[in-house]
């Protein structure tokens, strides 16, 4: 499975080269999130795949990179979403790199 570091994902996202989707649960997102990154919780993904951004490669984000790895594998196995990449380290890695987020420091 392909992975991007938080810095790689951020820079590509900022340049409009990828779309990032957060797959954590609503309570986690409410506590800490990246402004402009949509939430589609892993627990709701099957019912909400129609909400996944299209037209750009997808990068999947969670707390630490574990859930997003599962979602990345699932979407790549479906084969209908083009290039799907895991964000290694999740939002914890994102914050550790000093990248912008809103809310509490992720734990």
N, C-alpha and C. Protein backbone atom coordinates (compact mmCIF):
# COMPACT_ATOMS: atom_id res chain seq x y z
N UNK A 1 0.84 -1.18 0.00
CA UNK A 1 0.00 0.00 0.00
C UNK A 1 0.89 1.24 0.00
N UNK A 2 0.51 2.20 -0.81
CA UNK A 2 1.24 3.45 -0.91
C UNK A 2 0.87 4.36 0.27
N UNK A 3 1.87 5.05 0.81
CA UNK A 3 1.64 5.98 1.91
C UNK A 3 2.35 7.30 1.63
N UNK A 4 1.74 8.38 2.10
CA UNK A 4 2.39 9.68 2.09
C UNK A 4 2.64 10.10 3.53
N UNK A 5 3.73 10.82 3.73
CA UNK A 5 3.94 11.46 5.03
C UNK A 5 2.94 12.61 5.15
N UNK A 6 2.77 13.09 6.35
CA UNK A 6 1.87 14.22 6.56
C UNK A 6 2.30 15.42 5.72
N UNK A 7 3.58 15.69 5.69
CA UNK A 7 4.10 16.84 4.92
C UNK A 7 3.83 16.66 3.42
N UNK A 8 4.08 15.45 2.90
CA UNK A 8 3.80 15.20 1.48
C UNK A 8 2.32 15.40 1.18
N UNK A 9 1.45 14.82 2.02
CA UNK A 9 0.01 14.92 1.79
C UNK A 9 -0.44 16.37 1.88
N UNK A 10 0.04 17.09 2.89
CA UNK A 10 -0.35 18.50 3.04
C UNK A 10 0.05 19.31 1.81
N UNK A 11 1.30 19.15 1.38
CA UNK A 11 1.78 19.95 0.26
C UNK A 11 1.02 19.64 -1.02
N UNK A 12 0.75 18.37 -1.26
CA UNK A 12 -0.01 17.99 -2.45
C UNK A 12 -1.46 18.51 -2.37
N UNK A 13 -2.05 18.44 -1.18
CA UNK A 13 -3.41 18.92 -0.95
C UNK A 13 -3.46 20.44 -1.16
N UNK A 14 -2.49 21.15 -0.58
CA UNK A 14 -2.44 22.61 -0.71
C UNK A 14 -2.27 23.04 -2.17
N UNK A 15 -1.61 22.21 -2.96
CA UNK A 15 -1.41 22.50 -4.39
C UNK A 15 -2.55 21.98 -5.26
N UNK A 16 -3.59 21.41 -4.65
CA UNK A 16 -4.73 20.92 -5.41
C UNK A 16 -4.46 19.65 -6.18
N UNK A 17 -3.45 18.88 -5.74
CA UNK A 17 -3.07 17.65 -6.44
C UNK A 17 -3.76 16.41 -5.90
N UNK A 18 -4.28 16.46 -4.67
CA UNK A 18 -4.99 15.34 -4.06
C UNK A 18 -6.16 15.88 -3.23
N UNK A 19 -7.08 14.99 -2.92
CA UNK A 19 -8.15 15.27 -1.96
C UNK A 19 -7.89 14.41 -0.74
N UNK A 20 -8.08 14.98 0.44
CA UNK A 20 -7.91 14.23 1.68
C UNK A 20 -9.29 13.99 2.29
N UNK A 21 -9.51 12.78 2.79
CA UNK A 21 -10.75 12.42 3.48
C UNK A 21 -10.39 11.88 4.85
N UNK A 22 -11.06 12.38 5.88
CA UNK A 22 -10.87 11.94 7.26
C UNK A 22 -11.89 10.83 7.55
N UNK A 23 -11.43 9.68 8.05
CA UNK A 23 -12.33 8.56 8.30
C UNK A 23 -12.51 8.26 9.80
N UNK A 24 -12.12 9.22 10.65
CA UNK A 24 -12.36 9.03 12.08
C UNK A 24 -13.85 9.21 12.39
N UNK A 25 -14.22 9.01 13.63
CA UNK A 25 -15.61 9.18 14.02
C UNK A 25 -15.90 10.66 14.34
N UNK A 26 -17.17 11.03 14.32
CA UNK A 26 -17.58 12.43 14.50
C UNK A 26 -17.01 13.06 15.77
N UNK A 27 -17.02 12.33 16.88
CA UNK A 27 -16.53 12.89 18.14
C UNK A 27 -15.03 13.22 18.05
N UNK A 28 -14.28 12.40 17.34
CA UNK A 28 -12.85 12.67 17.14
C UNK A 28 -12.66 13.90 16.27
N UNK A 29 -13.43 13.97 15.21
CA UNK A 29 -13.37 15.09 14.28
C UNK A 29 -13.75 16.39 14.99
N UNK A 30 -14.79 16.33 15.82
CA UNK A 30 -15.23 17.52 16.55
C UNK A 30 -14.13 18.04 17.46
N UNK A 31 -13.33 17.15 18.01
CA UNK A 31 -12.25 17.53 18.92
C UNK A 31 -11.06 18.13 18.18
N UNK A 32 -10.70 17.54 17.04
CA UNK A 32 -9.53 17.95 16.26
C UNK A 32 -9.78 17.63 14.80
N UNK A 33 -9.58 18.60 13.93
CA UNK A 33 -9.74 18.33 12.50
C UNK A 33 -8.93 19.32 11.68
N UNK A 34 -8.77 18.97 10.42
CA UNK A 34 -8.11 19.86 9.47
C UNK A 34 -9.21 20.57 8.70
N UNK A 35 -9.21 21.88 8.78
CA UNK A 35 -10.21 22.68 8.09
C UNK A 35 -10.17 22.37 6.59
N UNK A 36 -11.35 22.08 6.03
CA UNK A 36 -11.45 21.80 4.61
C UNK A 36 -11.34 20.33 4.23
N UNK A 37 -11.03 19.48 5.21
CA UNK A 37 -10.96 18.04 4.96
C UNK A 37 -12.29 17.43 5.39
N UNK A 38 -13.03 16.83 4.45
CA UNK A 38 -14.33 16.27 4.81
C UNK A 38 -14.22 15.01 5.66
N UNK A 39 -15.23 14.81 6.48
CA UNK A 39 -15.34 13.63 7.34
C UNK A 39 -16.32 12.64 6.73
N UNK A 40 -15.85 11.42 6.52
CA UNK A 40 -16.71 10.29 6.18
C UNK A 40 -16.23 9.16 7.07
N UNK A 41 -16.86 8.99 8.24
CA UNK A 41 -16.38 7.98 9.19
C UNK A 41 -16.29 6.58 8.58
N UNK A 42 -15.26 5.86 8.98
CA UNK A 42 -15.07 4.49 8.51
C UNK A 42 -16.33 3.67 8.73
N UNK A 43 -17.01 3.89 9.86
CA UNK A 43 -18.21 3.12 10.19
C UNK A 43 -19.37 3.42 9.24
N UNK A 44 -19.30 4.51 8.49
CA UNK A 44 -20.36 4.89 7.56
C UNK A 44 -19.92 4.84 6.10
N UNK A 45 -18.70 4.44 5.87
CA UNK A 45 -18.11 4.55 4.54
C UNK A 45 -18.91 3.82 3.46
N UNK A 46 -19.33 2.60 3.73
CA UNK A 46 -20.05 1.83 2.72
C UNK A 46 -21.31 2.56 2.26
N UNK A 47 -22.02 3.18 3.20
CA UNK A 47 -23.25 3.89 2.86
C UNK A 47 -22.98 5.26 2.24
N UNK A 48 -21.75 5.78 2.40
CA UNK A 48 -21.48 7.15 1.97
C UNK A 48 -20.39 7.26 0.90
N UNK A 49 -20.07 6.17 0.20
CA UNK A 49 -19.02 6.25 -0.81
C UNK A 49 -19.35 7.28 -1.90
N UNK A 50 -20.61 7.56 -2.11
CA UNK A 50 -21.00 8.57 -3.09
C UNK A 50 -20.54 9.97 -2.72
N UNK A 51 -20.14 10.16 -1.47
CA UNK A 51 -19.65 11.46 -1.01
C UNK A 51 -18.14 11.61 -1.16
N UNK A 52 -17.45 10.53 -1.55
CA UNK A 52 -16.00 10.63 -1.73
C UNK A 52 -15.70 11.60 -2.87
N UNK A 53 -14.71 12.47 -2.68
CA UNK A 53 -14.35 13.38 -3.76
C UNK A 53 -13.89 12.61 -4.99
N UNK A 54 -14.18 13.15 -6.14
CA UNK A 54 -13.75 12.54 -7.40
C UNK A 54 -12.90 13.55 -8.17
N UNK A 55 -12.17 13.05 -9.13
CA UNK A 55 -11.39 13.93 -9.97
C UNK A 55 -9.95 14.13 -9.52
N UNK A 56 -9.64 13.72 -8.31
CA UNK A 56 -8.28 13.81 -7.79
C UNK A 56 -7.94 12.51 -7.07
N UNK A 57 -6.66 12.14 -7.00
CA UNK A 57 -6.28 11.01 -6.16
C UNK A 57 -6.69 11.27 -4.71
N UNK A 58 -7.07 10.21 -4.02
CA UNK A 58 -7.51 10.33 -2.63
C UNK A 58 -6.39 9.98 -1.66
N UNK A 59 -6.34 10.73 -0.56
CA UNK A 59 -5.48 10.43 0.58
C UNK A 59 -6.42 10.25 1.77
N UNK A 60 -6.27 9.13 2.47
CA UNK A 60 -7.16 8.81 3.58
C UNK A 60 -6.44 9.06 4.91
N UNK A 61 -7.11 9.81 5.80
CA UNK A 61 -6.55 10.21 7.09
C UNK A 61 -7.39 9.65 8.24
N UNK A 62 -6.72 9.23 9.30
CA UNK A 62 -7.40 8.88 10.54
C UNK A 62 -6.58 9.44 11.69
N UNK A 63 -6.65 8.82 12.86
CA UNK A 63 -5.90 9.28 14.01
C UNK A 63 -4.41 8.98 13.89
N UNK A 64 -4.09 7.71 13.59
CA UNK A 64 -2.68 7.30 13.61
C UNK A 64 -2.22 6.64 12.31
N UNK A 65 -3.13 6.35 11.42
CA UNK A 65 -2.79 5.69 10.16
C UNK A 65 -3.27 4.26 10.05
N UNK A 66 -3.82 3.70 11.13
CA UNK A 66 -4.27 2.30 11.10
C UNK A 66 -5.62 2.14 10.41
N UNK A 67 -6.62 2.89 10.84
CA UNK A 67 -7.94 2.80 10.19
C UNK A 67 -7.86 3.25 8.74
N UNK A 68 -7.11 4.32 8.51
CA UNK A 68 -7.00 4.82 7.14
C UNK A 68 -6.32 3.79 6.24
N UNK A 69 -5.41 2.99 6.78
CA UNK A 69 -4.78 1.93 5.99
C UNK A 69 -5.83 0.90 5.57
N UNK A 70 -6.73 0.56 6.47
CA UNK A 70 -7.80 -0.40 6.14
C UNK A 70 -8.72 0.17 5.06
N UNK A 71 -9.08 1.45 5.21
CA UNK A 71 -9.95 2.09 4.22
C UNK A 71 -9.23 2.18 2.87
N UNK A 72 -7.96 2.54 2.90
CA UNK A 72 -7.17 2.63 1.68
C UNK A 72 -7.15 1.28 0.96
N UNK A 73 -6.87 0.21 1.70
CA UNK A 73 -6.88 -1.12 1.10
C UNK A 73 -8.24 -1.46 0.51
N UNK A 74 -9.30 -1.16 1.24
CA UNK A 74 -10.66 -1.44 0.79
C UNK A 74 -10.98 -0.69 -0.51
N UNK A 75 -10.70 0.60 -0.53
CA UNK A 75 -11.00 1.39 -1.73
C UNK A 75 -10.15 0.98 -2.92
N UNK A 76 -8.90 0.66 -2.67
CA UNK A 76 -8.04 0.18 -3.76
C UNK A 76 -8.52 -1.16 -4.29
N UNK A 77 -9.02 -2.04 -3.39
CA UNK A 77 -9.54 -3.34 -3.83
C UNK A 77 -10.79 -3.16 -4.68
N UNK A 78 -11.61 -2.16 -4.37
CA UNK A 78 -12.80 -1.89 -5.19
C UNK A 78 -12.39 -1.48 -6.60
N UNK A 79 -11.30 -0.74 -6.68
CA UNK A 79 -10.77 -0.37 -7.99
C UNK A 79 -11.51 0.72 -8.72
N UNK A 80 -12.45 1.38 -8.08
CA UNK A 80 -13.22 2.42 -8.76
C UNK A 80 -12.81 3.83 -8.37
N UNK A 81 -11.86 3.97 -7.48
CA UNK A 81 -11.51 5.29 -6.95
C UNK A 81 -10.16 5.79 -7.43
N UNK A 82 -9.56 5.13 -8.40
CA UNK A 82 -8.25 5.57 -8.87
C UNK A 82 -7.20 5.34 -7.80
N UNK A 83 -6.27 6.25 -7.72
CA UNK A 83 -5.18 6.11 -6.75
C UNK A 83 -5.65 6.53 -5.36
N UNK A 84 -5.57 5.62 -4.41
CA UNK A 84 -5.92 5.90 -3.01
C UNK A 84 -4.69 5.61 -2.17
N UNK A 85 -4.31 6.58 -1.34
CA UNK A 85 -3.08 6.50 -0.56
C UNK A 85 -3.36 6.75 0.90
N UNK A 86 -2.66 6.04 1.76
CA UNK A 86 -2.78 6.22 3.20
C UNK A 86 -1.91 7.39 3.66
N UNK A 87 -2.43 8.15 4.64
CA UNK A 87 -1.64 9.20 5.28
C UNK A 87 -0.96 8.58 6.49
N UNK A 88 0.33 8.29 6.37
CA UNK A 88 1.08 7.65 7.45
C UNK A 88 1.11 8.55 8.68
N UNK A 89 0.80 7.98 9.84
CA UNK A 89 0.84 8.75 11.09
C UNK A 89 -0.44 9.50 11.40
N UNK A 90 -1.37 9.55 10.45
CA UNK A 90 -2.65 10.20 10.69
C UNK A 90 -2.54 11.65 11.13
N UNK A 91 -3.60 12.10 11.82
CA UNK A 91 -3.62 13.48 12.27
C UNK A 91 -2.60 13.73 13.38
N UNK A 92 -2.20 12.66 14.07
CA UNK A 92 -1.13 12.80 15.07
C UNK A 92 0.17 13.21 14.36
N UNK A 93 0.50 12.53 13.27
CA UNK A 93 1.68 12.87 12.50
C UNK A 93 1.57 14.25 11.86
N UNK A 94 0.36 14.58 11.43
CA UNK A 94 0.09 15.89 10.83
C UNK A 94 0.43 16.99 11.84
N UNK A 95 -0.10 16.85 13.04
CA UNK A 95 0.14 17.86 14.09
C UNK A 95 1.62 17.90 14.48
N UNK A 96 2.26 16.73 14.56
CA UNK A 96 3.67 16.65 14.93
C UNK A 96 4.55 17.38 13.92
N UNK A 97 4.11 17.46 12.67
CA UNK A 97 4.86 18.18 11.63
C UNK A 97 4.60 19.68 11.68
N UNK A 98 3.72 20.11 12.60
CA UNK A 98 3.41 21.53 12.71
C UNK A 98 2.44 22.02 11.64
N UNK A 99 1.71 21.09 11.02
CA UNK A 99 0.76 21.44 9.99
C UNK A 99 -0.53 21.95 10.63
N UNK A 100 -1.28 22.79 9.94
CA UNK A 100 -2.45 23.43 10.55
C UNK A 100 -3.60 22.46 10.83
N UNK A 101 -4.19 22.64 12.00
CA UNK A 101 -5.41 21.90 12.37
C UNK A 101 -6.18 22.77 13.34
N UNK A 102 -7.42 22.40 13.57
CA UNK A 102 -8.29 23.12 14.49
C UNK A 102 -8.62 22.24 15.67
N UNK A 103 -8.73 22.85 16.86
CA UNK A 103 -9.15 22.11 18.04
C UNK A 103 -7.99 21.68 18.93
N UNK A 104 -8.26 20.65 19.70
CA UNK A 104 -7.30 20.13 20.66
C UNK A 104 -6.14 19.40 19.96
N UNK A 105 -4.96 19.39 20.58
CA UNK A 105 -3.89 18.57 20.01
C UNK A 105 -4.34 17.11 19.96
N UNK A 106 -4.13 16.44 18.83
CA UNK A 106 -4.58 15.04 18.73
C UNK A 106 -3.76 14.12 19.62
N UNK A 107 -4.45 13.11 20.16
CA UNK A 107 -3.78 12.11 21.01
C UNK A 107 -4.15 10.74 20.56
